[in-house]
Structures are given as structure tokens and as C-alpha cells.
C-alpha atoms as a PDB file:
ATOM      1  CA  MET A   1       7.949  18.834   3.629  1.00  0.00           C
ATOM      2  CA  PRO A   2       5.726  15.459   3.623  1.00  0.00           C
ATOM      3  CA  VAL A   3       6.773  13.917   6.300  1.00  0.00           C
ATOM      4  CA  ASP A   4       7.191  16.685   8.795  1.00  0.00           C
ATOM      5  CA  ALA A   5       3.016  17.378   7.887  1.00  0.00           C
ATOM      6  CA  SER A   6       2.353  13.927   8.283  1.00  0.00           C
ATOM      7  CA  SER A   7       3.876  14.151  11.670  1.00  0.00           C
ATOM      8  CA  ALA A   8       2.370  17.343  12.611  1.00  0.00           C
ATOM      9  CA  LEU A   9      -1.143  16.307  11.351  1.00  0.00           C
ATOM     10  CA  LEU A  10      -0.453  13.049  13.304  1.00  0.00           C
ATOM     11  CA  CYS A  11       0.175  14.651  16.601  1.00  0.00           C
ATOM     12  CA  TRP A  12      -2.993  16.636  16.258  1.00  0.00           C
ATOM     13  CA  TYR A  13      -5.327  13.462  15.626  1.00  0.00           C
ATOM     14  CA  ALA A  14      -3.659  12.190  18.794  1.00  0.00           C
ATOM     15  CA  VAL A  15      -4.396  14.850  20.974  1.00  0.00           C
ATOM     16  CA  ASP A  16      -8.143  16.372  19.187  1.00  0.00           C
ATOM     17  CA  LYS A  17      -9.541  13.159  17.423  1.00  0.00           C
ATOM     18  CA  ARG A  18     -13.033  13.006  17.401  1.00  0.00           C
ATOM     19  CA  ARG A  19     -14.641  10.302  19.606  1.00  0.00           C
ATOM     20  CA  LEU A  20     -17.333   8.609  16.727  1.00  0.00           C
ATOM     21  CA  PRO A  21     -19.295   4.990  17.584  1.00  0.00           C
ATOM     22  CA  TRP A  22     -17.131   3.791  14.673  1.00  0.00           C
ATOM     23  CA  ARG A  23     -13.895   4.233  15.749  1.00  0.00           C
ATOM     24  CA  ALA A  24     -11.410   1.761  17.556  1.00  0.00           C
ATOM     25  CA  GLU A  25     -10.420   3.603  21.482  1.00  0.00           C
ATOM     26  CA  GLY A  26      -8.113   2.629  23.642  1.00  0.00           C
ATOM     27  CA  GLY A  27      -5.806   0.046  21.693  1.00  0.00           C
ATOM     28  CA  GLU A  28      -8.686  -1.843  20.227  1.00  0.00           C
ATOM     29  CA  THR A  29      -8.212  -3.458  16.736  1.00  0.00           C
ATOM     30  CA  PRO A  30     -10.528  -1.956  14.380  1.00  0.00           C
ATOM     31  CA  ASP A  31     -13.545  -4.000  13.085  1.00  0.00           C
ATOM     32  CA  PRO A  32     -13.811  -4.232   9.399  1.00  0.00           C
ATOM     33  CA  TYR A  33     -17.511  -4.693   9.948  1.00  0.00           C
ATOM     34  CA  ARG A  34     -17.553  -0.960  11.840  1.00  0.00           C
ATOM     35  CA  VAL A  35     -15.511   0.786   9.436  1.00  0.00           C
ATOM     36  CA  TRP A  36     -17.258  -0.794   6.374  1.00  0.00           C
ATOM     37  CA  LEU A  37     -20.591   0.250   7.489  1.00  0.00           C
ATOM     38  CA  SER A  38     -19.632   3.554   8.583  1.00  0.00           C
ATOM     39  CA  GLU A  39     -17.997   4.359   5.496  1.00  0.00           C
ATOM     40  CA  ILE A  40     -20.768   3.484   3.411  1.00  0.00           C
ATOM     41  CA  MET A  41     -23.183   5.455   5.282  1.00  0.00           C
ATOM     42  CA  LEU A  42     -21.305   8.639   5.457  1.00  0.00           C
ATOM     43  CA  GLN A  43     -20.895   8.786   1.976  1.00  0.00           C
ATOM     44  CA  GLN A  44     -22.450  12.074   1.283  1.00  0.00           C
ATOM     45  CA  THR A  45     -24.123  12.442   4.393  1.00  0.00           C
ATOM     46  CA  THR A  46     -22.588  14.037   8.036  1.00  0.00           C
ATOM     47  CA  VAL A  47     -21.743  12.424  10.737  1.00  0.00           C
ATOM     48  CA  ALA A  48     -24.419  14.175  12.818  1.00  0.00           C
ATOM     49  CA  ALA A  49     -26.909  12.575  10.027  1.00  0.00           C
ATOM     50  CA  VAL A  50     -25.585   8.625   9.968  1.00  0.00           C
ATOM     51  CA  LYS A  51     -24.653   8.376  13.489  1.00  0.00           C
ATOM     52  CA  PRO A  52     -27.752   7.350  14.773  1.00  0.00           C
ATOM     53  CA  TYR A  53     -28.475   4.985  11.546  1.00  0.00           C
ATOM     54  CA  PHE A  54     -25.081   3.427  12.238  1.00  0.00           C
ATOM     55  CA  GLU A  55     -25.753   3.001  16.146  1.00  0.00           C
ATOM     56  CA  LYS A  56     -29.487   1.178  14.824  1.00  0.00           C
ATOM     57  CA  PHE A  57     -27.754  -0.769  12.520  1.00  0.00           C
ATOM     58  CA  THR A  58     -25.243  -2.259  14.332  1.00  0.00           C
ATOM     59  CA  ALA A  59     -27.906  -2.952  17.739  1.00  0.00           C
ATOM     60  CA  THR A  60     -30.204  -4.685  14.703  1.00  0.00           C
ATOM     61  CA  TRP A  61     -27.443  -6.129  12.863  1.00  0.00           C
ATOM     62  CA  PRO A  62     -24.382  -6.698  14.795  1.00  0.00           C
ATOM     63  CA  THR A  63     -22.317  -8.681  12.072  1.00  0.00           C
ATOM     64  CA  VAL A  64     -21.412  -8.822   8.632  1.00  0.00           C
ATOM     65  CA  THR A  65     -23.266 -12.329   8.854  1.00  0.00           C
ATOM     66  CA  ALA A  66     -26.682 -11.064  11.031  1.00  0.00           C
ATOM     67  CA  LEU A  67     -26.714  -8.193   8.058  1.00  0.00           C
ATOM     68  CA  ALA A  68     -26.174 -10.410   5.573  1.00  0.00           C
ATOM     69  CA  ALA A  69     -29.100 -13.015   6.802  1.00  0.00           C
ATOM     70  CA  ALA A  70     -31.525  -9.986   7.048  1.00  0.00           C
ATOM     71  CA  GLU A  71     -34.824  -9.091   5.020  1.00  0.00           C
ATOM     72  CA  ASP A  72     -34.110  -6.727   2.069  1.00  0.00           C
ATOM     73  CA  GLY A  73     -37.096  -4.703   3.217  1.00  0.00           C
ATOM     74  CA  GLU A  74     -36.093  -4.722   6.978  1.00  0.00           C
ATOM     75  CA  VAL A  75     -32.944  -3.316   5.775  1.00  0.00           C
ATOM     76  CA  MET A  76     -34.476  -0.564   3.187  1.00  0.00           C
ATOM     77  CA  ARG A  77     -36.726   0.335   6.281  1.00  0.00           C
ATOM     78  CA  ALA A  78     -33.888   0.763   8.817  1.00  0.00           C
ATOM     79  CA  TRP A  79     -32.345   3.346   6.040  1.00  0.00           C
ATOM     80  CA  ALA A  80     -34.786   5.487   5.523  1.00  0.00           C
ATOM     81  CA  GLY A  81     -34.239   8.883   5.450  1.00  0.00           C
ATOM     82  CA  LEU A  82     -30.354   8.537   4.720  1.00  0.00           C
ATOM     83  CA  GLY A  83     -31.040   9.090   1.572  1.00  0.00           C
ATOM     84  CA  TYR A  84     -29.041   7.638  -1.468  1.00  0.00           C
ATOM     85  CA  TYR A  85     -31.395   4.489  -1.247  1.00  0.00           C
ATOM     86  CA  ALA A  86     -28.600   2.749  -3.813  1.00  0.00           C
ATOM     87  CA  ARG A  87     -26.073   2.309  -0.870  1.00  0.00           C
ATOM     88  CA  ALA A  88     -28.787   0.333   1.262  1.00  0.00           C
ATOM     89  CA  ARG A  89     -29.021  -2.203  -1.779  1.00  0.00           C
ATOM     90  CA  ASN A  90     -25.763  -2.733  -2.611  1.00  0.00           C
ATOM     91  CA  LEU A  91     -24.573  -2.785   1.559  1.00  0.00           C
ATOM     92  CA  LEU A  92     -26.896  -5.802   1.534  1.00  0.00           C
ATOM     93  CA  ALA A  93     -25.170  -7.123  -1.894  1.00  0.00           C
ATOM     94  CA  CYS A  94     -21.882  -6.758  -0.067  1.00  0.00           C
ATOM     95  CA  ALA A  95     -22.480  -8.077   3.041  1.00  0.00           C
ATOM     96  CA  ARG A  96     -24.040 -11.080   1.032  1.00  0.00           C
ATOM     97  CA  ALA A  97     -20.710 -11.240  -0.954  1.00  0.00           C
ATOM     98  CA  VAL A  98     -18.773 -11.384   2.094  1.00  0.00           C
ATOM     99  CA  VAL A  99     -20.328 -13.982   3.493  1.00  0.00           C
ATOM    100  CA  ALA A 100     -20.621 -16.290   0.449  1.00  0.00           C
ATOM    101  CA  GLU A 101     -17.437 -15.733  -1.023  1.00  0.00           C
ATOM    102  CA  HIS A 102     -14.622 -14.628   1.598  1.00  0.00           C
ATOM    103  CA  ALA A 103     -16.704 -16.693   4.838  1.00  0.00           C
ATOM    104  CA  GLY A 104     -17.901 -13.162   6.616  1.00  0.00           C
ATOM    105  CA  ARG A 105     -14.723 -11.975   6.513  1.00  0.00           C
ATOM    106  CA  PHE A 106     -13.833  -8.792   4.702  1.00  0.00           C
ATOM    107  CA  PRO A 107     -10.749  -8.533   2.675  1.00  0.00           C
ATOM    108  CA  ASP A 108      -7.525  -6.755   3.866  1.00  0.00           C
ATOM    109  CA  ASP A 109      -6.795  -5.641   0.101  1.00  0.00           C
ATOM    110  CA  GLU A 110      -7.792  -2.548  -1.878  1.00  0.00           C
ATOM    111  CA  ALA A 111      -8.275  -4.783  -5.103  1.00  0.00           C
ATOM    112  CA  THR A 112     -10.105  -7.291  -3.417  1.00  0.00           C
ATOM    113  CA  LEU A 113     -12.238  -4.889  -1.458  1.00  0.00           C
ATOM    114  CA  ARG A 114     -13.271  -3.115  -4.994  1.00  0.00           C
ATOM    115  CA  LYS A 115     -14.509  -6.185  -6.321  1.00  0.00           C
ATOM    116  CA  LEU A 116     -17.414  -6.152  -3.441  1.00  0.00           C
ATOM    117  CA  PRO A 117     -20.842  -4.650  -4.585  1.00  0.00           C
ATOM    118  CA  GLY A 118     -21.135  -0.451  -3.497  1.00  0.00           C
ATOM    119  CA  ILE A 119     -17.198  -0.314  -2.312  1.00  0.00           C
ATOM    120  CA  GLY A 120     -15.179   2.295  -5.056  1.00  0.00           C
ATOM    121  CA  PRO A 121     -11.722   3.040  -5.038  1.00  0.00           C
ATOM    122  CA  TYR A 122     -11.834   5.634  -1.906  1.00  0.00           C
ATOM    123  CA  THR A 123     -13.463   3.138   0.345  1.00  0.00           C
ATOM    124  CA  ALA A 124     -11.359   0.446  -0.421  1.00  0.00           C
ATOM    125  CA  ALA A 125      -8.417   2.914   0.836  1.00  0.00           C
ATOM    126  CA  ALA A 126     -10.349   3.930   3.778  1.00  0.00           C
ATOM    127  CA  ILE A 127     -11.278   0.273   4.920  1.00  0.00           C
ATOM    128  CA  ALA A 128      -7.914  -1.368   3.842  1.00  0.00           C
ATOM    129  CA  ALA A 129      -5.840   1.794   5.772  1.00  0.00           C
ATOM    130  CA  ILE A 130      -8.427   2.063   9.211  1.00  0.00           C
ATOM    131  CA  ALA A 131      -9.252  -1.800   9.247  1.00  0.00           C
ATOM    132  CA  PHE A 132      -6.624  -3.430   8.236  1.00  0.00           C
ATOM    133  CA  GLY A 133      -3.042  -0.968   8.746  1.00  0.00           C
ATOM    134  CA  ARG A 134      -2.790  -1.090   5.327  1.00  0.00           C
ATOM    135  CA  ARG A 135      -1.151   2.088   3.425  1.00  0.00           C
ATOM    136  CA  ALA A 136      -3.436   3.223   1.340  1.00  0.00           C
ATOM    137  CA  VAL A 137      -4.091   6.432  -0.557  1.00  0.00           C
ATOM    138  CA  ALA A 138      -8.054   7.272   0.373  1.00  0.00           C
ATOM    139  CA  VAL A 139      -8.994  10.763  -0.925  1.00  0.00           C
ATOM    140  CA  ASP A 140     -12.474  11.615  -0.574  1.00  0.00           C
ATOM    141  CA  GLY A 141     -13.909  15.350  -0.312  1.00  0.00           C
ATOM    142  CA  ASN A 142     -12.641  16.618   2.610  1.00  0.00           C
ATOM    143  CA  VAL A 143      -9.065  14.899   1.390  1.00  0.00           C
ATOM    144  CA  GLU A 144      -9.264  16.810  -1.871  1.00  0.00           C
ATOM    145  CA  ARG A 145     -10.115  20.117  -0.162  1.00  0.00           C
ATOM    146  CA  VAL A 146      -7.021  19.740   2.206  1.00  0.00           C
ATOM    147  CA  VAL A 147      -4.427  18.740   0.089  1.00  0.00           C
ATOM    148  CA  SER A 148      -5.683  20.930  -2.948  1.00  0.00           C
ATOM    149  CA  ARG A 149      -4.978  24.271  -0.277  1.00  0.00           C
ATOM    150  CA  LEU A 150      -1.794  22.556   1.288  1.00  0.00           C
ATOM    151  CA  PHE A 151      -0.116  22.864  -2.227  1.00  0.00           C
ATOM    152  CA  ALA A 152      -2.060  25.322  -4.306  1.00  0.00           C
ATOM    153  CA  VAL A 153      -3.581  23.304  -6.998  1.00  0.00           C
ATOM    154  CA  LYS A 154      -4.008  25.488  -9.435  1.00  0.00           C
ATOM    155  CA  GLU A 155      -6.071  23.293 -11.717  1.00  0.00           C
ATOM    156  CA  MET A 156      -9.692  22.650 -11.697  1.00  0.00           C
ATOM    157  CA  LEU A 157     -11.651  20.058 -10.379  1.00  0.00           C
ATOM    158  CA  PRO A 158     -12.214  17.157 -11.515  1.00  0.00           C
ATOM    159  CA  GLY A 159      -9.685  17.472 -13.922  1.00  0.00           C
ATOM    160  CA  ALA A 160      -7.398  18.002 -10.659  1.00  0.00           C
ATOM    161  CA  ARG A 161      -8.409  14.720  -9.181  1.00  0.00           C
ATOM    162  CA  GLY A 162      -4.726  12.751 -10.390  1.00  0.00           C
ATOM    163  CA  ARG A 163      -2.586  15.264  -9.225  1.00  0.00           C
ATOM    164  CA  ILE A 164      -4.662  15.602  -6.296  1.00  0.00           C
ATOM    165  CA  ARG A 165      -4.326  11.974  -5.449  1.00  0.00           C
ATOM    166  CA  GLU A 166      -0.268  12.016  -6.758  1.00  0.00           C
ATOM    167  CA  LEU A 167       0.207  14.859  -3.549  1.00  0.00           C
ATOM    168  CA  THR A 168      -1.589  12.924  -1.276  1.00  0.00           C
ATOM    169  CA  ASP A 169       0.081   9.295  -1.790  1.00  0.00           C
ATOM    170  CA  THR A 170       3.415  12.207  -0.957  1.00  0.00           C
ATOM    171  CA  LEU A 171       1.914  12.476   2.505  1.00  0.00           C
ATOM    172  CA  VAL A 172       0.649   8.908   3.360  1.00  0.00           C
ATOM    173  CA  PRO A 173       2.707   7.786   6.097  1.00  0.00           C
ATOM    174  CA  GLU A 174       4.393   3.806   6.317  1.00  0.00           C
ATOM    175  CA  GLU A 175       3.052   3.214   9.435  1.00  0.00           C
ATOM    176  CA  GLY A 176      -0.112   4.913  10.847  1.00  0.00           C
ATOM    177  CA  ALA A 177      -2.010   4.905   7.679  1.00  0.00           C
ATOM    178  CA  GLY A 178      -5.047   4.273   9.470  1.00  0.00           C
ATOM    179  CA  ASP A 179      -4.922   7.394  11.713  1.00  0.00           C
ATOM    180  CA  PHE A 180      -3.428   9.608   9.124  1.00  0.00           C
ATOM    181  CA  ALA A 181      -6.443   8.921   6.845  1.00  0.00           C
ATOM    182  CA  GLN A 182      -8.871   9.398   9.736  1.00  0.00           C
ATOM    183  CA  ALA A 183      -6.686  12.446  10.564  1.00  0.00           C
ATOM    184  CA  MET A 184      -7.263  14.256   7.393  1.00  0.00           C
ATOM    185  CA  MET A 185     -11.140  13.857   7.192  1.00  0.00           C
ATOM    186  CA  ASP A 186     -11.361  14.730  10.905  1.00  0.00           C
ATOM    187  CA  LEU A 187      -9.028  18.298   9.801  1.00  0.00           C
ATOM    188  CA  GLY A 188     -11.233  18.613   6.694  1.00  0.00           C
ATOM    189  CA  SER A 189     -14.884  18.325   8.417  1.00  0.00           C
ATOM    190  CA  ALA A 190     -13.414  20.855  11.543  1.00  0.00           C
ATOM    191  CA  ILE A 191     -11.241  22.884  10.366  1.00  0.00           C
ATOM    192  CA  CYS A 192      -9.959  22.702   6.732  1.00  0.00           C
ATOM    193  CA  THR A 193     -13.892  23.401   5.806  1.00  0.00           C
ATOM    194  CA  PRO A 194     -15.207  24.543   2.322  1.00  0.00           C
ATOM    195  CA  ARG A 195     -16.032  28.325   3.907  1.00  0.00           C
ATOM    196  CA  ASN A 196     -14.406  29.813   6.234  1.00  0.00           C
ATOM    197  CA  PRO A 197     -10.896  27.431   7.385  1.00  0.00           C
ATOM    198  CA  ASP A 198     -10.148  27.923  10.635  1.00  0.00           C
ATOM    199  CA  CYS A 199      -6.402  28.070   9.909  1.00  0.00           C
ATOM    200  CA  GLY A 200      -5.361  29.978  13.134  1.00  0.00           C
ATOM    201  CA  HIS A 201      -5.975  25.868  14.733  1.00  0.00           C
ATOM    202  CA  CYS A 202      -4.730  23.861  11.861  1.00  0.00           C
ATOM    203  CA  PRO A 203      -2.023  21.704  12.324  1.00  0.00           C
ATOM    204  CA  LEU A 204      -0.639  22.313   8.613  1.00  0.00           C
ATOM    205  CA  THR A 205      -0.967  25.740   8.557  1.00  0.00           C
ATOM    206  CA  GLY A 206       3.197  26.399   8.516  1.00  0.00           C
ATOM    207  CA  TYR A 207       3.286  23.762   5.458  1.00  0.00           C
ATOM    208  CA  CYS A 208      -0.031  25.473   3.917  1.00  0.00           C
ATOM    209  CA  ALA A 209       0.665  27.087   0.365  1.00  0.00           C
ATOM    210  CA  ALA A 210      -2.895  28.299   0.137  1.00  0.00           C
ATOM    211  CA  HIS A 211      -2.298  29.821   3.405  1.00  0.00           C
ATOM    212  CA  ALA A 212       0.851  31.425   2.279  1.00  0.00           C
ATOM    213  CA  GLU A 213      -1.268  33.101  -0.254  1.00  0.00           C
ATOM    214  CA  GLY A 214      -3.756  34.465   1.749  1.00  0.00           C
ATOM    215  CA  ASP A 215      -6.741  32.821   0.471  1.00  0.00           C
ATOM    216  CA  PRO A 216      -6.836  29.048   1.259  1.00  0.00           C
ATOM    217  CA  ALA A 217     -11.211  29.518   0.675  1.00  0.00           C
ATOM    218  CA  ARG A 218     -10.665  29.505  -3.059  1.00  0.00           C
ATOM    219  CA  TYR A 219      -8.952  25.846  -3.079  1.00  0.00           C
ATOM    220  CA  PRO A 220     -10.240  23.663  -4.388  1.00  0.00           C
ATOM    221  CA  VAL A 221     -10.526  25.327  -7.842  1.00  0.00           C
ATOM    222  CA  LYS A 222     -13.864  24.389  -9.371  1.00  0.00           C
ATOM    223  CA  ALA A 223     -16.047  24.566 -12.747  1.00  0.00           C
ATOM    224  CA  PRO A 224     -19.304  26.383 -11.678  1.00  0.00           C
ATOM    225  CA  LYS A 225     -21.975  24.742 -11.037  1.00  0.00           C
ATOM    226  CA  ALA A 226     -25.223  23.687 -13.572  1.00  0.00           C
ATOM    227  CA  ALA A 227     -28.554  24.538 -12.506  1.00  0.00           C
ATOM    228  CA  LYS A 228     -30.396  21.243 -11.543  1.00  0.00           C
ATOM    229  CA  PRO A 229     -33.329  20.408 -13.940  1.00  0.00           C
ATOM    230  CA  HIS A 230     -36.900  20.556 -12.261  1.00  0.00           C
ATOM    231  CA  ARG A 231     -39.653  17.993 -12.448  1.00  0.00           C
ATOM    232  CA  VAL A 232     -42.882  17.383 -11.227  1.00  0.00           C
ATOM    233  CA  GLY A 233     -44.686  14.649 -10.325  1.00  0.00           C
ATOM    234  CA  THR A 234     -48.025  13.561  -8.725  1.00  0.00           C
ATOM    235  CA  ALA A 235     -48.516  10.989  -5.855  1.00  0.00           C
ATOM    236  CA  TYR A 236     -51.833   9.295  -4.382  1.00  0.00           C
ATOM    237  CA  TRP A 237     -53.063   9.230  -0.910  1.00  0.00           C
ATOM    238  CA  LEU A 238     -55.593   6.336  -1.398  1.00  0.00           C
ATOM    239  CA  GLU A 239     -57.415   5.518   2.380  1.00  0.00           C
ATOM    240  CA  ARG A 240     -59.475   2.464   3.163  1.00  0.00           C
ATOM    241  CA  ASP A 241     -60.592   1.818   6.257  1.00  0.00           C
ATOM    242  CA  GLY A 242     -57.963   3.667   7.889  1.00  0.00           C
ATOM    243  CA  LYS A 243     -55.122   2.198   6.000  1.00  0.00           C
ATOM    244  CA  VAL A 244     -53.053   4.017   3.685  1.00  0.00           C
ATOM    245  CA  LEU A 245     -52.107   2.241   0.222  1.00  0.00           C
ATOM    246  CA  LEU A 246     -48.644   1.366  -0.134  1.00  0.00           C
ATOM    247  CA  VAL A 247     -46.349   0.665  -2.737  1.00  0.00           C
ATOM    248  CA  ARG A 248     -42.418  -0.813  -3.353  1.00  0.00           C
ATOM    249  CA  ARG A 249     -40.840   0.745  -5.860  1.00  0.00           C
ATOM    250  CA  PRO A 250     -39.006  -1.010  -8.446  1.00  0.00           C
ATOM    251  CA  ALA A 251     -35.657  -2.316  -7.364  1.00  0.00           C
ATOM    252  CA  ARG A 252     -33.391  -0.258  -9.480  1.00  0.00           C
ATOM    253  CA  GLY A 253     -34.074   3.370 -10.185  1.00  0.00           C
ATOM    254  CA  LEU A 254     -35.213   6.339  -8.298  1.00  0.00           C
ATOM    255  CA  LEU A 255     -35.690   5.176  -4.406  1.00  0.00           C
ATOM    256  CA  GLY A 256     -35.660   1.957  -5.315  1.00  0.00           C
ATOM    257  CA  GLY A 257     -37.303  -0.983  -2.623  1.00  0.00           C
ATOM    258  CA  MET A 258     -38.417   2.003  -1.136  1.00  0.00           C
ATOM    259  CA  LEU A 259     -42.236   1.551   0.501  1.00  0.00           C
ATOM    260  CA  ALA A 260     -44.063   4.666  -1.076  1.00  0.00           C
ATOM    261  CA  LEU A 261     -47.455   6.255  -1.831  1.00  0.00           C
ATOM    262  CA  PRO A 262     -47.942   5.245  -5.384  1.00  0.00           C
ATOM    263  CA  ASP A 263     -47.073   7.796  -7.967  1.00  0.00           C
ATOM    264  CA  SER A 264     -49.574   6.725 -11.158  1.00  0.00           C
ATOM    265  CA  PRO A 265     -53.657   7.089  -9.731  1.00  0.00           C
ATOM    266  CA  PRO A 266     -54.299   3.180  -8.460  1.00  0.00           C
ATOM    267  CA  LEU A 267     -58.141   3.481  -9.346  1.00  0.00           C
ATOM    268  CA  THR A 268     -60.552   6.308 -10.470  1.00  0.00           C
ATOM    269  CA  ALA A 269     -62.048   8.367  -7.832  1.00  0.00           C
ATOM    270  CA  ASP A 270     -62.905  11.772  -6.603  1.00  0.00           C
ATOM    271  CA  TRP A 271     -59.166  12.875  -6.240  1.00  0.00           C
ATOM    272  CA  GLN A 272     -58.619  16.182  -4.061  1.00  0.00           C
ATOM    273  CA  ALA A 273     -55.456  18.276  -4.211  1.00  0.00           C
ATOM    274  CA  ALA A 274     -53.709  18.153  -1.022  1.00  0.00           C
ATOM    275  CA  GLY A 275     -50.817  20.265  -1.194  1.00  0.00           C
ATOM    276  CA  SER A 276     -47.513  19.879  -3.107  1.00  0.00           C
ATOM    277  CA  VAL A 277     -44.159  19.211  -1.737  1.00  0.00           C
ATOM    278  CA  ASP A 278     -40.552  20.141  -2.955  1.00  0.00           C
ATOM    279  CA  HIS A 279     -37.461  17.896  -2.914  1.00  0.00           C
ATOM    280  CA  VAL A 280     -33.985  18.184  -4.135  1.00  0.00           C
ATOM    281  CA  PHE A 281     -32.270  15.009  -5.588  1.00  0.00           C
ATOM    282  CA  THR A 282     -28.349  14.686  -6.306  1.00  0.00           C
ATOM    283  CA  HIS A 283     -29.117  15.398 -10.258  1.00  0.00           C
ATOM    284  CA  PHE A 284     -32.619  17.313 -10.125  1.00  0.00           C
ATOM    285  CA  ALA A 285     -35.068  19.167  -8.161  1.00  0.00           C
ATOM    286  CA  LEU A 286     -38.844  18.021  -7.816  1.00  0.00           C
ATOM    287  CA  THR A 287     -41.962  19.261  -6.910  1.00  0.00           C
ATOM    288  CA  MET A 288     -44.670  16.366  -6.096  1.00  0.00           C
ATOM    289  CA  THR A 289     -48.255  17.062  -5.629  1.00  0.00           C
ATOM    290  CA  LEU A 290     -50.457  15.117  -3.453  1.00  0.00           C
ATOM    291  CA  LEU A 291     -53.908  13.973  -4.379  1.00  0.00           C
ATOM    292  CA  CYS A 292     -56.204  12.131  -1.656  1.00  0.00           C
ATOM    293  CA  ALA A 293     -59.237  10.099  -2.031  1.00  0.00           C
ATOM    294  CA  GLU A 294     -61.001   7.132   0.020  1.00  0.00           C
ATOM    295  CA  THR A 295     -62.096   4.269  -1.230  1.00  0.00           C
ATOM    296  CA  SER A 296     -64.109   0.950  -0.800  1.00  0.00           C
ATOM    297  CA  GLN A 297     -62.651  -0.713  -2.933  1.00  0.00           C
ATOM    298  CA  ASP A 298     -60.184  -3.861  -2.812  1.00  0.00           C
ATOM    299  CA  VAL A 299     -56.899  -2.404  -4.265  1.00  0.00           C
ATOM    300  CA  GLU A 300     -53.580  -4.566  -4.965  1.00  0.00           C
ATOM    301  CA  GLY A 301     -50.771  -3.481  -2.464  1.00  0.00           C
ATOM    302  CA  ILE A 302     -49.671  -2.827   1.019  1.00  0.00           C
ATOM    303  CA  TRP A 303     -52.511  -1.543   3.307  1.00  0.00           C
ATOM    304  CA  TRP A 304     -50.579   0.311   5.991  1.00  0.00           C
ATOM    305  CA  PRO A 305     -52.119   1.933   9.143  1.00  0.00           C
ATOM    306  CA  ALA A 306     -52.457   5.547   8.669  1.00  0.00           C
ATOM    307  CA  GLY A 307     -51.555   6.002  12.157  1.00  0.00           C
ATOM    308  CA  GLN A 308     -48.373   4.238  11.986  1.00  0.00           C
ATOM    309  CA  LEU A 309     -47.082   5.438   9.020  1.00  0.00           C
ATOM    310  CA  ASP A 310     -44.258   6.721  10.791  1.00  0.00           C
ATOM    311  CA  GLU A 311     -43.007   2.900  11.636  1.00  0.00           C
ATOM    312  CA  ALA A 312     -43.435   2.146   7.327  1.00  0.00           C
ATOM    313  CA  GLY A 313     -39.337   3.569   6.730  1.00  0.00           C
ATOM    314  CA  LEU A 314     -40.830   5.722   3.921  1.00  0.00           C
ATOM    315  CA  PRO A 315     -37.758   7.949   2.342  1.00  0.00           C
ATOM    316  CA  THR A 316     -37.936  11.158   3.642  1.00  0.00           C
ATOM    317  CA  LEU A 317     -39.895  12.909   0.000  1.00  0.00           C
ATOM    318  CA  PHE A 318     -42.726  10.319   0.551  1.00  0.00           C
ATOM    319  CA  ALA A 319     -42.643  11.164   4.577  1.00  0.00           C
ATOM    320  CA  LYS A 320     -42.998  14.576   4.041  1.00  0.00           C
ATOM    321  CA  LEU A 321     -45.824  13.956   1.288  1.00  0.00           C
ATOM    322  CA  ALA A 322     -47.374  11.478   4.008  1.00  0.00           C
ATOM    323  CA  MET A 323     -47.450  14.317   6.827  1.00  0.00           C
ATOM    324  CA  ARG A 324     -49.861  16.332   4.075  1.00  0.00           C
ATOM    325  CA  GLY A 325     -52.159  13.180   3.310  1.00  0.00           C
ATOM    326  CA  LEU A 326     -52.484  12.654   7.437  1.00  0.00           C
ATOM    327  CA  SER A 327     -53.288  16.602   7.177  1.00  0.00           C
ATOM    328  CA  TRP A 328     -55.985  16.090   4.493  1.00  0.00           C
ATOM    329  CA  ARG A 329     -57.143  12.888   6.728  1.00  0.00           C
ATOM    330  CA  SER A 330     -57.896  15.216   9.570  1.00  0.00           C
ATOM    331  CA  LEU A 331     -59.781  18.067   7.944  1.00  0.00           C
ATOM    332  CA  ARG A 332     -62.020  15.508   6.247  1.00  0.00           C
ATOM    333  CA  ARG A 333     -62.908  14.025   9.863  1.00  0.00           C
ATOM    334  CA  ALA A 334     -63.553  17.195  11.391  1.00  0.00           C
ATOM    335  CA  ALA A 335     -65.797  18.149   8.258  1.00  0.00           C
END
């Protein structure tokens, strides 16, 4: 069954694979830089969200050497809105390590790839398979779902992950591991979806134990999700001569390295409430209230033209808050 299932999947992929800007087409040799960049961007992020960022990055920094030479602030600004900002910091660290330690060429084996910043087991396997044709077992959320259904894995995640990886290993072909990895991603994304899987169009339906049971959507088996804690905070819009005070957040921690509105009062002022914004992070939900004021004082920080805040590369939370600040500003000037 594993060999037959793999062949069926690869035949389906040859006809129905997605055309994506980071994939090699028409016999092209995969570019390890583009493969790596796409894999980092796609972590916990949809293909639709990644496409414009990938195209912007590769137009601005077409090689790993170019990216390694970029200024931190420029890269963080280009990443703004894509979320999970530790990825952007690791992206730069990895690019610089590839240039400094590997003469600007990505290693072609999993073990060496895993030593690079921001590259974990899945990403290392995906790069090794897709960019270099190595036989590697790349297991992400899509693959977990497909394999857990294919074999009707009864164990609960995350404890079942070792078993799922072993089962995936039985499917990976000796040749064409890169196509197999991408085919599994496409299958999980387009057909073997978390809810309402499209079994009628799946090339693996005849091999799928969960389909035979009649309820593939029950797999993978997961523990109930715990409720996310809820936090509150305050941001400050301080305006002077048509410019707004921004700060660079510490390199480590939440939204590290990004430009943002201050989250502590920069001075004593007649602060006025301008509403609040709700935002959900990976591990908690946050409600942040915006307080606004004007000043003539010289306060240390980055003073950004209020009308050009869309060019500052603010993370989504602070971009939403900035819209509140701009509304407050308009109302104040109209009064």
C-alpha cells in the first residue's frame, strides 16, 4: 500500500499541483534560497498571505547574500503584517550564517540545515527534499492530518507525532521526495482539509482507513483546546508638529525589533481615550486601549509623519491602533 499510495499521489500532483512563485517549473532547478524563504514565511501562515510578501522580498533581496547584507529595520518593515516576528529575526540571522559559514550556499543535508537559526526538523527536511532532492521525511500540520487519516491513527496529538512520522517515512519514495513533500502539502491544503475533506477528489481515497470508517474529519485526534488567557494594555499616540512618536521594541520578546507606538506614557499629558483594539496572539488574546495627546516637548524616539504611517511597517496590532489615532487626529482638527 505505501508504494501504491505514493505513486497515486505523485500522479495526481503531476497534473493538479498548485503554481506557486517559489516552485521550480518546467524542469527548472529549485533555488534553495527561494525554497527556504517560502518555508519560513509559510510557517503558521496561509499561501494567500505569503505570496505578496515573498514576491516583495525576492524583488528586493533576490539572493541570500543580498538579504544577509540588508539592514535589520528594513527587513522588519518589509515583514510587517505577516506576523510571528521572531521568524523575521531568525531569517536575517540564518541568511548571515549561510553567508559567513557556508560561503552563501545552503547546506544540502538535514543535519547541517538544522544548525542554522530558525530551521527546525520540518523546515530542514522540506529544504533537503525540495531544494536538493534528498529523501527526507517532512511532517507539518498538513502532513499530520493526511497521514493520521490515511492510517486512522487513534492516538491523540501531540503524543501521536512520533507514530505519524514513522508512518510518513513508509510513504516517502526514494526518488522524487521533493515532489512528494509538496504533493502532501497541496493535498492537505486543498483536499484533505481540517473540515469537510473533499474525499471525492482525493487520489488516496482508496487507501484511506479513515474514509473507510466513514468519518475522516475526526482525525487527527486532538486534545480539547484550552481557553487563551486575556490580557489588557495601553498604547500612546503622542503627536508633535504633525509627527507621531514611535519606538523600536526590544529585539527579543513580543513583536521584537518592530517599530510601534509606545506602551508606556512617554510624558505627563492630557491623555484622551481613542478607543481600543482586540488582537489575538498565539498564546493569549489582548485588548489594547489607545490614549492620545499632543505636545511641544522634545521626547526621545522616532518621530514619524502621521500621514505616512503606512510606510513605517507597524505590526498589525499597532497598525490598527494607528487608525484609531488618525481618527482622533481628524476629529481634533475638525473641532
